[in-house]
Amino acid sequence: MFPKSPRCQVVPLPQQQVAFVVDGQERLRWHTADDAPRPFFFPLTGPSGLPLTRMGHPGAPNHDHHRSIWFAHHKVLGIDFWSDTSDAVIRQEQWLAYQNGQQEASMAVELGWYDGHDPAPLLKQKLVTAIMPADGDGVLIEIQTTLNSVAESLELEQTNFGLLAVRVAGSISAVFGDGVLTGSNGLQTEKKLFEKASAWMDYSGSVDTGVTEGVTYFDHPSNVTYPSKWHVRDDGWMGASVCGDAPVMLYQDRPTTWRYMLHAHAGPADVEIANRLADEFGRRPPFDLQPTKKPHHEYQIERAFNE
């Protein structure tokens, strides 16, 4: 369906979707249609081509707000941007850049967080997402999100729920499959990892008979709560809690940026490989999105090597 050159591509599709492609194979898809209250990525596929994430909870119908990989927060000025029970929505306002390349492909978009009543957003979010090939037919998904308040300041209240959430496929979860949660300290299971600080978290398990794959979710040293405490569950859920211990203030004139990375990999969690990738991610420059004079382009995504 997709050409193999350039190696990494971001391809806009109908129905407000965008495909992230490596070596001609789609590995991730971005969804922004208004039939869901928030944009989300689905699916993220492993080296086998099978999904590593899922829509909703395998056993709890009141968790349909779990949409694979997504941004949300439980308490923004007391407003619930997490569940599907409030009027609050996150909407993509516009895409800013799509860039293809041999080493990585990237997408930049702008989103607004709306309370469902005021036509003006409470928050503005700029999101840069890049896909890169990794060893063993794996892929790296680098995610950089920047939030700033429309008002002079705004509080993200204390909660375990937010900011980047991942719901893995049922067969990868410990409850509904044979999956194993592993933290950067080498500890395993929800009991040992829930609300504990970790530089990364991995969920790996069977995606088919005899096929084990997983997702490693990396925090970044520049994030305000690094190493974050994690909200993780044996039922197939993991998220770095940016407000787990205390609120975070956002400002109009001082944007706050969080950086994360997901590694879709073959096999079970490998602590040595994950620590190496974490080190590389920690040293990798952030994305810099700027207006450009390049013909027929409005914005350019570059690496901020001078930072």
C-alpha atoms as a PDB file:
ATOM      1  CA  MET A   1       0.000   0.000   0.000  1.00  0.00           C
ATOM      2  CA  PHE A   2       2.902   2.335   0.735  1.00  0.00           C
ATOM      3  CA  PRO A   3       6.172   2.805  -1.162  1.00  0.00           C
ATOM      4  CA  LYS A   4       9.403   1.794   0.555  1.00  0.00           C
ATOM      5  CA  SER A   5      11.223   5.029  -0.218  1.00  0.00           C
ATOM      6  CA  PRO A   6      11.846   7.167   1.667  1.00  0.00           C
ATOM      7  CA  ARG A   7      12.213   4.622   4.418  1.00  0.00           C
ATOM      8  CA  CYS A   8      10.181   6.578   6.995  1.00  0.00           C
ATOM      9  CA  GLN A   9       6.949   8.326   5.996  1.00  0.00           C
ATOM     10  CA  VAL A  10       3.974  10.161   7.436  1.00  0.00           C
ATOM     11  CA  VAL A  11       0.985   9.716   5.123  1.00  0.00           C
ATOM     12  CA  PRO A  12      -2.313  11.644   5.504  1.00  0.00           C
ATOM     13  CA  LEU A  13      -5.379   9.452   4.942  1.00  0.00           C
ATOM     14  CA  PRO A  14      -9.140  10.016   4.610  1.00  0.00           C
ATOM     15  CA  GLN A  15     -11.360  10.470   7.679  1.00  0.00           C
ATOM     16  CA  GLN A  16      -8.804  12.621   9.510  1.00  0.00           C
ATOM     17  CA  GLN A  17      -6.232   9.875   9.958  1.00  0.00           C
ATOM     18  CA  VAL A  18      -2.469   9.779   9.443  1.00  0.00           C
ATOM     19  CA  ALA A  19      -0.329   6.671   8.884  1.00  0.00           C
ATOM     20  CA  PHE A  20       3.239   6.343  10.174  1.00  0.00           C
ATOM     21  CA  VAL A  21       5.147   4.033   7.842  1.00  0.00           C
ATOM     22  CA  VAL A  22       8.548   2.306   7.946  1.00  0.00           C
ATOM     23  CA  ASP A  23       9.859   0.208   5.035  1.00  0.00           C
ATOM     24  CA  GLY A  24       6.468   0.321   3.325  1.00  0.00           C
ATOM     25  CA  GLN A  25       4.608  -1.037   6.380  1.00  0.00           C
ATOM     26  CA  GLU A  26       2.210   1.019   8.454  1.00  0.00           C
ATOM     27  CA  ARG A  27       3.224   0.812  12.123  1.00  0.00           C
ATOM     28  CA  LEU A  28       1.083   3.503  13.768  1.00  0.00           C
ATOM     29  CA  ARG A  29      -2.030   5.521  12.949  1.00  0.00           C
ATOM     30  CA  TRP A  30      -3.232   8.885  14.283  1.00  0.00           C
ATOM     31  CA  HIS A  31      -7.004   9.496  14.554  1.00  0.00           C
ATOM     32  CA  THR A  32      -8.498  12.985  14.991  1.00  0.00           C
ATOM     33  CA  ALA A  33     -12.145  12.721  13.874  1.00  0.00           C
ATOM     34  CA  ASP A  34     -14.799  14.299  16.103  1.00  0.00           C
ATOM     35  CA  ASP A  35     -16.537  10.967  16.789  1.00  0.00           C
ATOM     36  CA  ALA A  36     -14.192  10.541  19.778  1.00  0.00           C
ATOM     37  CA  PRO A  37     -13.670  13.152  22.501  1.00  0.00           C
ATOM     38  CA  ARG A  38      -9.891  13.041  22.125  1.00  0.00           C
ATOM     39  CA  PRO A  39      -7.409  12.165  19.369  1.00  0.00           C
ATOM     40  CA  PHE A  40      -5.556   8.879  19.723  1.00  0.00           C
ATOM     41  CA  PHE A  41      -3.038   6.547  18.091  1.00  0.00           C
ATOM     42  CA  PHE A  42      -4.269   3.095  17.024  1.00  0.00           C
ATOM     43  CA  PRO A  43      -2.874   0.627  16.377  1.00  0.00           C
ATOM     44  CA  LEU A  44       0.789   0.466  17.236  1.00  0.00           C
ATOM     45  CA  THR A  45       2.032  -2.735  15.617  1.00  0.00           C
ATOM     46  CA  GLY A  46       4.978  -4.915  16.520  1.00  0.00           C
ATOM     47  CA  PRO A  47       7.537  -6.584  14.236  1.00  0.00           C
ATOM     48  CA  SER A  48       4.985  -9.320  13.433  1.00  0.00           C
ATOM     49  CA  GLY A  49       2.536  -6.719  12.123  1.00  0.00           C
ATOM     50  CA  LEU A  50       0.058  -7.535  14.906  1.00  0.00           C
ATOM     51  CA  PRO A  51      -1.364  -4.834  17.208  1.00  0.00           C
ATOM     52  CA  LEU A  52       0.365  -4.163  20.505  1.00  0.00           C
ATOM     53  CA  THR A  53      -2.391  -1.811  21.693  1.00  0.00           C
ATOM     54  CA  ARG A  54      -6.187  -2.012  21.821  1.00  0.00           C
ATOM     55  CA  MET A  55      -9.296   0.129  22.013  1.00  0.00           C
ATOM     56  CA  GLY A  56     -11.021  -0.053  25.398  1.00  0.00           C
ATOM     57  CA  HIS A  57     -10.679  -2.460  28.296  1.00  0.00           C
ATOM     58  CA  PRO A  58     -11.053  -6.225  27.697  1.00  0.00           C
ATOM     59  CA  GLY A  59     -13.509  -6.633  30.571  1.00  0.00           C
ATOM     60  CA  ALA A  60     -14.772  -3.259  31.802  1.00  0.00           C
ATOM     61  CA  PRO A  61     -17.237  -1.394  29.550  1.00  0.00           C
ATOM     62  CA  ASN A  62     -16.828   1.766  31.653  1.00  0.00           C
ATOM     63  CA  HIS A  63     -13.260   2.059  30.322  1.00  0.00           C
ATOM     64  CA  ASP A  64     -14.054   2.820  26.683  1.00  0.00           C
ATOM     65  CA  HIS A  65     -12.112   6.061  27.141  1.00  0.00           C
ATOM     66  CA  HIS A  66      -8.973   3.906  26.977  1.00  0.00           C
ATOM     67  CA  ARG A  67      -8.134   4.430  23.321  1.00  0.00           C
ATOM     68  CA  SER A  68      -4.828   2.679  22.667  1.00  0.00           C
ATOM     69  CA  ILE A  69      -2.358   5.578  23.048  1.00  0.00           C
ATOM     70  CA  TRP A  70      -3.755   8.985  23.927  1.00  0.00           C
ATOM     71  CA  PHE A  71      -3.349  12.258  25.819  1.00  0.00           C
ATOM     72  CA  ALA A  72      -5.714  13.126  28.656  1.00  0.00           C
ATOM     73  CA  HIS A  73      -5.844  14.461  32.223  1.00  0.00           C
ATOM     74  CA  HIS A  74      -8.360  13.831  34.975  1.00  0.00           C
ATOM     75  CA  LYS A  75      -8.416  17.261  36.631  1.00  0.00           C
ATOM     76  CA  VAL A  76      -7.823  20.441  34.645  1.00  0.00           C
ATOM     77  CA  LEU A  77      -9.319  23.188  36.826  1.00  0.00           C
ATOM     78  CA  GLY A  78     -11.536  20.423  38.163  1.00  0.00           C
ATOM     79  CA  ILE A  79     -12.679  19.482  34.651  1.00  0.00           C
ATOM     80  CA  ASP A  80     -12.472  15.840  33.600  1.00  0.00           C
ATOM     81  CA  PHE A  81     -10.508  15.465  30.361  1.00  0.00           C
ATOM     82  CA  TRP A  82      -9.954  11.782  31.140  1.00  0.00           C
ATOM     83  CA  SER A  83     -13.208   9.850  31.044  1.00  0.00           C
ATOM     84  CA  ASP A  84     -16.043  10.090  28.523  1.00  0.00           C
ATOM     85  CA  THR A  85     -18.537  11.320  31.141  1.00  0.00           C
ATOM     86  CA  SER A  86     -17.931  15.082  30.814  1.00  0.00           C
ATOM     87  CA  ASP A  87     -18.429  17.547  27.951  1.00  0.00           C
ATOM     88  CA  ALA A  88     -14.703  18.261  27.767  1.00  0.00           C
ATOM     89  CA  VAL A  89     -12.965  17.501  24.471  1.00  0.00           C
ATOM     90  CA  ILE A  90      -9.538  17.770  22.878  1.00  0.00           C
ATOM     91  CA  ARG A  91      -9.612  18.755  19.217  1.00  0.00           C
ATOM     92  CA  GLN A  92      -6.935  18.970  16.567  1.00  0.00           C
ATOM     93  CA  GLU A  93      -7.007  22.522  15.257  1.00  0.00           C
ATOM     94  CA  GLN A  94      -4.628  21.996  12.363  1.00  0.00           C
ATOM     95  CA  TRP A  95      -1.667  20.016  11.184  1.00  0.00           C
ATOM     96  CA  LEU A  96       1.522  22.033  10.872  1.00  0.00           C
ATOM     97  CA  ALA A  97       4.068  19.758   9.199  1.00  0.00           C
ATOM     98  CA  TYR A  98       4.496  16.285   7.728  1.00  0.00           C
ATOM     99  CA  GLN A  99       8.092  15.276   7.011  1.00  0.00           C
ATOM    100  CA  ASN A 100       9.543  12.091   5.526  1.00  0.00           C
ATOM    101  CA  GLY A 101      13.116  10.830   5.627  1.00  0.00           C
ATOM    102  CA  GLN A 102      15.497   7.909   5.701  1.00  0.00           C
ATOM    103  CA  GLN A 103      16.162   8.139   9.450  1.00  0.00           C
ATOM    104  CA  GLU A 104      12.800   9.343  10.749  1.00  0.00           C
ATOM    105  CA  ALA A 105       9.437  10.755   9.697  1.00  0.00           C
ATOM    106  CA  SER A 106       7.595  13.316  11.790  1.00  0.00           C
ATOM    107  CA  MET A 107       4.254  15.048  12.187  1.00  0.00           C
ATOM    108  CA  ALA A 108       3.474  18.291  14.012  1.00  0.00           C
ATOM    109  CA  VAL A 109      -0.076  19.259  14.959  1.00  0.00           C
ATOM    110  CA  GLU A 110      -1.803  21.828  17.133  1.00  0.00           C
ATOM    111  CA  LEU A 111      -4.621  20.875  19.506  1.00  0.00           C
ATOM    112  CA  GLY A 112      -7.010  22.710  21.803  1.00  0.00           C
ATOM    113  CA  TRP A 113      -8.460  21.528  25.115  1.00  0.00           C
ATOM    114  CA  TYR A 114     -12.085  22.696  25.464  1.00  0.00           C
ATOM    115  CA  ASP A 115     -14.333  22.442  28.514  1.00  0.00           C
ATOM    116  CA  GLY A 116     -17.380  21.848  26.294  1.00  0.00           C
ATOM    117  CA  HIS A 117     -19.065  25.148  27.156  1.00  0.00           C
ATOM    118  CA  ASP A 118     -16.679  28.030  26.489  1.00  0.00           C
ATOM    119  CA  PRO A 119     -15.835  28.318  22.759  1.00  0.00           C
ATOM    120  CA  ALA A 120     -12.274  29.291  23.690  1.00  0.00           C
ATOM    121  CA  PRO A 121      -9.818  26.561  24.706  1.00  0.00           C
ATOM    122  CA  LEU A 122      -8.373  26.244  28.190  1.00  0.00           C
ATOM    123  CA  LEU A 123      -5.111  24.826  26.892  1.00  0.00           C
ATOM    124  CA  LYS A 124      -3.154  24.826  23.679  1.00  0.00           C
ATOM    125  CA  GLN A 125      -1.089  21.771  22.842  1.00  0.00           C
ATOM    126  CA  LYS A 126       1.594  21.362  20.213  1.00  0.00           C
ATOM    127  CA  LEU A 127       2.431  17.758  19.463  1.00  0.00           C
ATOM    128  CA  VAL A 128       5.372  16.432  17.472  1.00  0.00           C
ATOM    129  CA  THR A 129       5.424  12.687  16.812  1.00  0.00           C
ATOM    130  CA  ALA A 130       8.222  10.887  14.978  1.00  0.00           C
ATOM    131  CA  ILE A 131       8.750   7.284  13.909  1.00  0.00           C
ATOM    132  CA  MET A 132      12.180   5.683  13.542  1.00  0.00           C
ATOM    133  CA  PRO A 133      13.297   2.141  12.692  1.00  0.00           C
ATOM    134  CA  ALA A 134      14.840   0.080  15.478  1.00  0.00           C
ATOM    135  CA  ASP A 135      16.731  -3.208  15.607  1.00  0.00           C
ATOM    136  CA  GLY A 136      14.874  -6.437  14.901  1.00  0.00           C
ATOM    137  CA  ASP A 137      12.112  -4.781  12.842  1.00  0.00           C
ATOM    138  CA  GLY A 138      11.093  -2.737  15.849  1.00  0.00           C
ATOM    139  CA  VAL A 139      10.171   0.925  15.735  1.00  0.00           C
ATOM    140  CA  LEU A 140      10.661   3.896  18.031  1.00  0.00           C
ATOM    141  CA  ILE A 141       7.859   6.427  18.437  1.00  0.00           C
ATOM    142  CA  GLU A 142       9.162   9.693  19.848  1.00  0.00           C
ATOM    143  CA  ILE A 143       6.513  12.006  21.262  1.00  0.00           C
ATOM    144  CA  GLN A 144       7.046  15.621  22.302  1.00  0.00           C
ATOM    145  CA  THR A 145       4.096  17.567  23.653  1.00  0.00           C
ATOM    146  CA  THR A 146       4.037  21.200  24.747  1.00  0.00           C
ATOM    147  CA  LEU A 147       1.194  22.697  26.784  1.00  0.00           C
ATOM    148  CA  ASN A 148       0.473  26.280  27.659  1.00  0.00           C
ATOM    149  CA  SER A 149      -2.475  27.950  29.310  1.00  0.00           C
ATOM    150  CA  VAL A 150      -4.692  30.355  27.376  1.00  0.00           C
ATOM    151  CA  ALA A 151      -5.249  32.287  30.615  1.00  0.00           C
ATOM    152  CA  GLU A 152      -2.295  33.675  32.538  1.00  0.00           C
ATOM    153  CA  SER A 153      -1.966  30.410  34.456  1.00  0.00           C
ATOM    154  CA  LEU A 154      -3.806  27.135  34.988  1.00  0.00           C
ATOM    155  CA  GLU A 155      -3.405  24.187  37.339  1.00  0.00           C
ATOM    156  CA  LEU A 156      -3.225  20.545  36.377  1.00  0.00           C
ATOM    157  CA  GLU A 157      -4.472  19.129  39.663  1.00  0.00           C
ATOM    158  CA  GLN A 158      -2.986  16.206  41.540  1.00  0.00           C
ATOM    159  CA  THR A 159      -4.051  12.877  40.010  1.00  0.00           C
ATOM    160  CA  ASN A 160      -2.532   9.647  38.756  1.00  0.00           C
ATOM    161  CA  PHE A 161      -4.417  10.008  35.465  1.00  0.00           C
ATOM    162  CA  GLY A 162      -2.454  11.904  32.815  1.00  0.00           C
ATOM    163  CA  LEU A 163      -0.693  12.812  30.599  1.00  0.00           C
ATOM    164  CA  LEU A 164       0.235  10.087  28.072  1.00  0.00           C
ATOM    165  CA  ALA A 165      -1.666   6.821  28.443  1.00  0.00           C
ATOM    166  CA  VAL A 166      -1.122   3.381  26.888  1.00  0.00           C
ATOM    167  CA  ARG A 167      -3.597   0.469  26.813  1.00  0.00           C
ATOM    168  CA  VAL A 168      -1.877  -2.677  25.537  1.00  0.00           C
ATOM    169  CA  ALA A 169      -3.505  -5.555  23.671  1.00  0.00           C
ATOM    170  CA  GLY A 170      -5.393  -7.965  25.915  1.00  0.00           C
ATOM    171  CA  SER A 171      -3.033 -10.856  25.231  1.00  0.00           C
ATOM    172  CA  ILE A 172      -0.105  -8.731  26.444  1.00  0.00           C
ATOM    173  CA  SER A 173      -1.762  -7.895  29.771  1.00  0.00           C
ATOM    174  CA  ALA A 174      -1.083  -9.979  32.862  1.00  0.00           C
ATOM    175  CA  VAL A 175      -4.794 -10.519  33.619  1.00  0.00           C
ATOM    176  CA  PHE A 176      -6.172 -11.236  30.140  1.00  0.00           C
ATOM    177  CA  GLY A 177      -3.038 -12.805  28.668  1.00  0.00           C
ATOM    178  CA  ASP A 178       0.432 -13.881  29.701  1.00  0.00           C
ATOM    179  CA  GLY A 179       1.991 -10.424  29.767  1.00  0.00           C
ATOM    180  CA  VAL A 180       4.593  -9.149  32.205  1.00  0.00           C
ATOM    181  CA  LEU A 181       5.118  -5.601  33.486  1.00  0.00           C
ATOM    182  CA  THR A 182       8.789  -4.707  33.955  1.00  0.00           C
ATOM    183  CA  GLY A 183      10.265  -1.463  35.289  1.00  0.00           C
ATOM    184  CA  SER A 184      13.709   0.055  34.763  1.00  0.00           C
ATOM    185  CA  ASN A 185      14.741  -1.262  38.188  1.00  0.00           C
ATOM    186  CA  GLY A 186      14.110  -4.809  36.946  1.00  0.00           C
ATOM    187  CA  LEU A 187      11.109  -5.313  39.218  1.00  0.00           C
ATOM    188  CA  GLN A 188       7.953  -6.874  37.793  1.00  0.00           C
ATOM    189  CA  THR A 189       4.167  -6.897  38.405  1.00  0.00           C
ATOM    190  CA  GLU A 190       1.726  -4.165  39.343  1.00  0.00           C
ATOM    191  CA  LYS A 191       2.227  -4.844  43.055  1.00  0.00           C
ATOM    192  CA  LYS A 192       5.918  -3.923  42.867  1.00  0.00           C
ATOM    193  CA  LEU A 193       5.658  -1.107  40.302  1.00  0.00           C
ATOM    194  CA  PHE A 194       2.424   0.784  41.049  1.00  0.00           C
ATOM    195  CA  GLU A 195       3.193   4.405  42.021  1.00  0.00           C
ATOM    196  CA  LYS A 196       6.930   3.684  41.993  1.00  0.00           C
ATOM    197  CA  ALA A 197       9.452   5.876  40.172  1.00  0.00           C
ATOM    198  CA  SER A 198      10.941   4.363  37.023  1.00  0.00           C
ATOM    199  CA  ALA A 199      12.815   5.677  33.988  1.00  0.00           C
ATOM    200  CA  TRP A 200      10.819   3.334  31.759  1.00  0.00           C
ATOM    201  CA  MET A 201       8.084   0.730  31.889  1.00  0.00           C
ATOM    202  CA  ASP A 202       7.629  -2.307  29.641  1.00  0.00           C
ATOM    203  CA  TYR A 203       4.617  -4.486  28.908  1.00  0.00           C
ATOM    204  CA  SER A 204       5.392  -7.643  26.916  1.00  0.00           C
ATOM    205  CA  GLY A 205       3.477 -10.842  26.184  1.00  0.00           C
ATOM    206  CA  SER A 206       2.075 -13.094  23.481  1.00  0.00           C
ATOM    207  CA  VAL A 207       0.540 -11.522  20.385  1.00  0.00           C
ATOM    208  CA  ASP A 208       0.066 -14.895  18.678  1.00  0.00           C
ATOM    209  CA  THR A 209       0.965 -18.524  19.279  1.00  0.00           C
ATOM    210  CA  GLY A 210       4.694 -18.615  19.892  1.00  0.00           C
ATOM    211  CA  VAL A 211       5.130 -14.872  19.228  1.00  0.00           C
ATOM    212  CA  THR A 212       6.125 -12.554  22.083  1.00  0.00           C
ATOM    213  CA  GLU A 213       6.317  -8.793  21.570  1.00  0.00           C
ATOM    214  CA  GLY A 214       5.948  -5.705  23.681  1.00  0.00           C
ATOM    215  CA  VAL A 215       6.011  -1.962  24.228  1.00  0.00           C
ATOM    216  CA  THR A 216       8.558  -0.067  26.296  1.00  0.00           C
ATOM    217  CA  TYR A 217       7.402   3.386  27.408  1.00  0.00           C
ATOM    218  CA  PHE A 218      10.246   5.812  28.235  1.00  0.00           C
ATOM    219  CA  ASP A 219      10.174   8.895  30.409  1.00  0.00           C
ATOM    220  CA  HIS A 220      12.693  11.640  29.553  1.00  0.00           C
ATOM    221  CA  PRO A 221      15.206  13.264  31.947  1.00  0.00           C
ATOM    222  CA  SER A 222      14.001  16.743  30.949  1.00  0.00           C
ATOM    223  CA  ASN A 223      10.448  16.067  32.176  1.00  0.00           C
ATOM    224  CA  VAL A 224       9.491  17.912  35.344  1.00  0.00           C
ATOM    225  CA  THR A 225       8.724  14.741  37.324  1.00  0.00           C
ATOM    226  CA  TYR A 226      11.509  12.489  35.986  1.00  0.00           C
ATOM    227  CA  PRO A 227      11.774   9.726  36.927  1.00  0.00           C
ATOM    228  CA  SER A 228       7.996   9.714  37.053  1.00  0.00           C
ATOM    229  CA  LYS A 229       5.915   7.508  39.284  1.00  0.00           C
ATOM    230  CA  TRP A 230       3.781   5.146  37.240  1.00  0.00           C
ATOM    231  CA  HIS A 231       0.130   4.257  37.219  1.00  0.00           C
ATOM    232  CA  VAL A 232       0.211   0.663  36.011  1.00  0.00           C
ATOM    233  CA  ARG A 233      -2.237  -2.219  36.155  1.00  0.00           C
ATOM    234  CA  ASP A 234      -2.046  -5.955  35.549  1.00  0.00           C
ATOM    235  CA  ASP A 235      -5.078  -5.551  33.261  1.00  0.00           C
ATOM    236  CA  GLY A 236      -2.905  -3.977  30.550  1.00  0.00           C
ATOM    237  CA  TRP A 237      -2.484  -0.314  31.353  1.00  0.00           C
ATOM    238  CA  MET A 238       0.494   1.984  31.918  1.00  0.00           C
ATOM    239  CA  GLY A 239       1.000   5.717  32.217  1.00  0.00           C
ATOM    240  CA  ALA A 240       3.659   8.036  33.617  1.00  0.00           C
ATOM    241  CA  SER A 241       1.877  10.222  36.191  1.00  0.00           C
ATOM    242  CA  VAL A 242       2.919  13.843  35.722  1.00  0.00           C
ATOM    243  CA  CYS A 243       0.766  14.980  38.666  1.00  0.00           C
ATOM    244  CA  GLY A 244       0.898  11.897  40.852  1.00  0.00           C
ATOM    245  CA  ASP A 245       2.484  13.666  43.818  1.00  0.00           C
ATOM    246  CA  ALA A 246       1.562  17.300  43.264  1.00  0.00           C
ATOM    247  CA  PRO A 247      -0.216  19.670  40.866  1.00  0.00           C
ATOM    248  CA  VAL A 248       1.631  21.161  37.905  1.00  0.00           C
ATOM    249  CA  MET A 249       1.139  24.798  36.948  1.00  0.00           C
ATOM    250  CA  LEU A 250       0.913  25.801  33.296  1.00  0.00           C
ATOM    251  CA  TYR A 251       1.481  29.344  32.078  1.00  0.00           C
ATOM    252  CA  GLN A 252       0.511  31.447  29.102  1.00  0.00           C
ATOM    253  CA  ASP A 253       3.991  32.826  28.466  1.00  0.00           C
ATOM    254  CA  ARG A 254       6.036  29.825  29.584  1.00  0.00           C
ATOM    255  CA  PRO A 255       5.105  26.589  27.790  1.00  0.00           C
ATOM    256  CA  THR A 256       5.848  23.262  29.469  1.00  0.00           C
ATOM    257  CA  THR A 257       7.174  20.393  27.375  1.00  0.00           C
ATOM    258  CA  TRP A 258       7.102  16.656  28.059  1.00  0.00           C
ATOM    259  CA  ARG A 259       9.015  14.097  26.034  1.00  0.00           C
ATOM    260  CA  TYR A 260       8.259  10.372  25.810  1.00  0.00           C
ATOM    261  CA  MET A 261       9.245   7.457  23.609  1.00  0.00           C
ATOM    262  CA  LEU A 262       7.629   4.103  22.832  1.00  0.00           C
ATOM    263  CA  HIS A 263       9.603   1.103  21.577  1.00  0.00           C
ATOM    264  CA  ALA A 264       7.618  -1.593  19.764  1.00  0.00           C
ATOM    265  CA  HIS A 265       9.883  -4.617  19.994  1.00  0.00           C
ATOM    266  CA  ALA A 266      10.148  -8.369  19.510  1.00  0.00           C
ATOM    267  CA  GLY A 267      10.572 -10.686  22.476  1.00  0.00           C
ATOM    268  CA  PRO A 268      10.131 -10.037  26.189  1.00  0.00           C
ATOM    269  CA  ALA A 269      11.485  -7.008  28.018  1.00  0.00           C
ATOM    270  CA  ASP A 270      15.260  -6.702  27.758  1.00  0.00           C
ATOM    271  CA  VAL A 271      16.589  -4.453  30.533  1.00  0.00           C
ATOM    272  CA  GLU A 272      19.970  -3.960  28.857  1.00  0.00           C
ATOM    273  CA  ILE A 273      18.438  -2.878  25.545  1.00  0.00           C
ATOM    274  CA  ALA A 274      15.874  -0.657  27.265  1.00  0.00           C
ATOM    275  CA  ASN A 275      18.548   1.072  29.347  1.00  0.00           C
ATOM    276  CA  ARG A 276      20.633   1.685  26.219  1.00  0.00           C
ATOM    277  CA  LEU A 277      17.643   3.179  24.403  1.00  0.00           C
ATOM    278  CA  ALA A 278      16.813   5.284  27.461  1.00  0.00           C
ATOM    279  CA  ASP A 279      20.349   6.668  27.469  1.00  0.00           C
ATOM    280  CA  GLU A 280      20.183   7.456  23.748  1.00  0.00           C
ATOM    281  CA  PHE A 281      16.771   9.085  24.172  1.00  0.00           C
ATOM    282  CA  GLY A 282      18.051  11.178  27.073  1.00  0.00           C
ATOM    283  CA  ARG A 283      20.871  12.549  24.909  1.00  0.00           C
ATOM    284  CA  ARG A 284      18.798  13.085  21.770  1.00  0.00           C
ATOM    285  CA  PRO A 285      17.997  16.753  21.061  1.00  0.00           C
ATOM    286  CA  PRO A 286      14.350  17.831  21.249  1.00  0.00           C
ATOM    287  CA  PHE A 287      12.269  18.816  18.257  1.00  0.00           C
ATOM    288  CA  ASP A 288      12.141  22.447  17.223  1.00  0.00           C
ATOM    289  CA  LEU A 289       9.091  23.532  15.220  1.00  0.00           C
ATOM    290  CA  GLN A 290       9.564  26.829  13.415  1.00  0.00           C
ATOM    291  CA  PRO A 291       8.029  28.783  10.523  1.00  0.00           C
ATOM    292  CA  THR A 292      10.060  28.273   7.372  1.00  0.00           C
ATOM    293  CA  LYS A 293      10.766  30.098   4.134  1.00  0.00           C
ATOM    294  CA  LYS A 294      11.089  26.791   2.320  1.00  0.00           C
ATOM    295  CA  PRO A 295       8.828  26.956  -0.762  1.00  0.00           C
ATOM    296  CA  HIS A 296       5.341  25.504  -0.235  1.00  0.00           C
ATOM    297  CA  HIS A 297       5.993  24.805   3.442  1.00  0.00           C
ATOM    298  CA  GLU A 298       4.732  26.781   6.431  1.00  0.00           C
ATOM    299  CA  TYR A 299       6.600  24.963   9.223  1.00  0.00           C
ATOM    300  CA  GLN A 300       9.751  22.893   9.532  1.00  0.00           C
ATOM    301  CA  ILE A 301      10.510  20.259  12.193  1.00  0.00           C
ATOM    302  CA  GLU A 302      14.177  20.147  13.132  1.00  0.00           C
ATOM    303  CA  ARG A 303      16.262  18.864  16.005  1.00  0.00           C
ATOM    304  CA  ALA A 304      17.296  21.601  18.445  1.00  0.00           C
ATOM    305  CA  PHE A 305      20.954  20.565  18.542  1.00  0.00           C
ATOM    306  CA  ASN A 306      22.055  23.773  20.258  1.00  0.00           C
ATOM    307  CA  GLU A 307      19.894  23.216  23.316  1.00  0.00           C
END
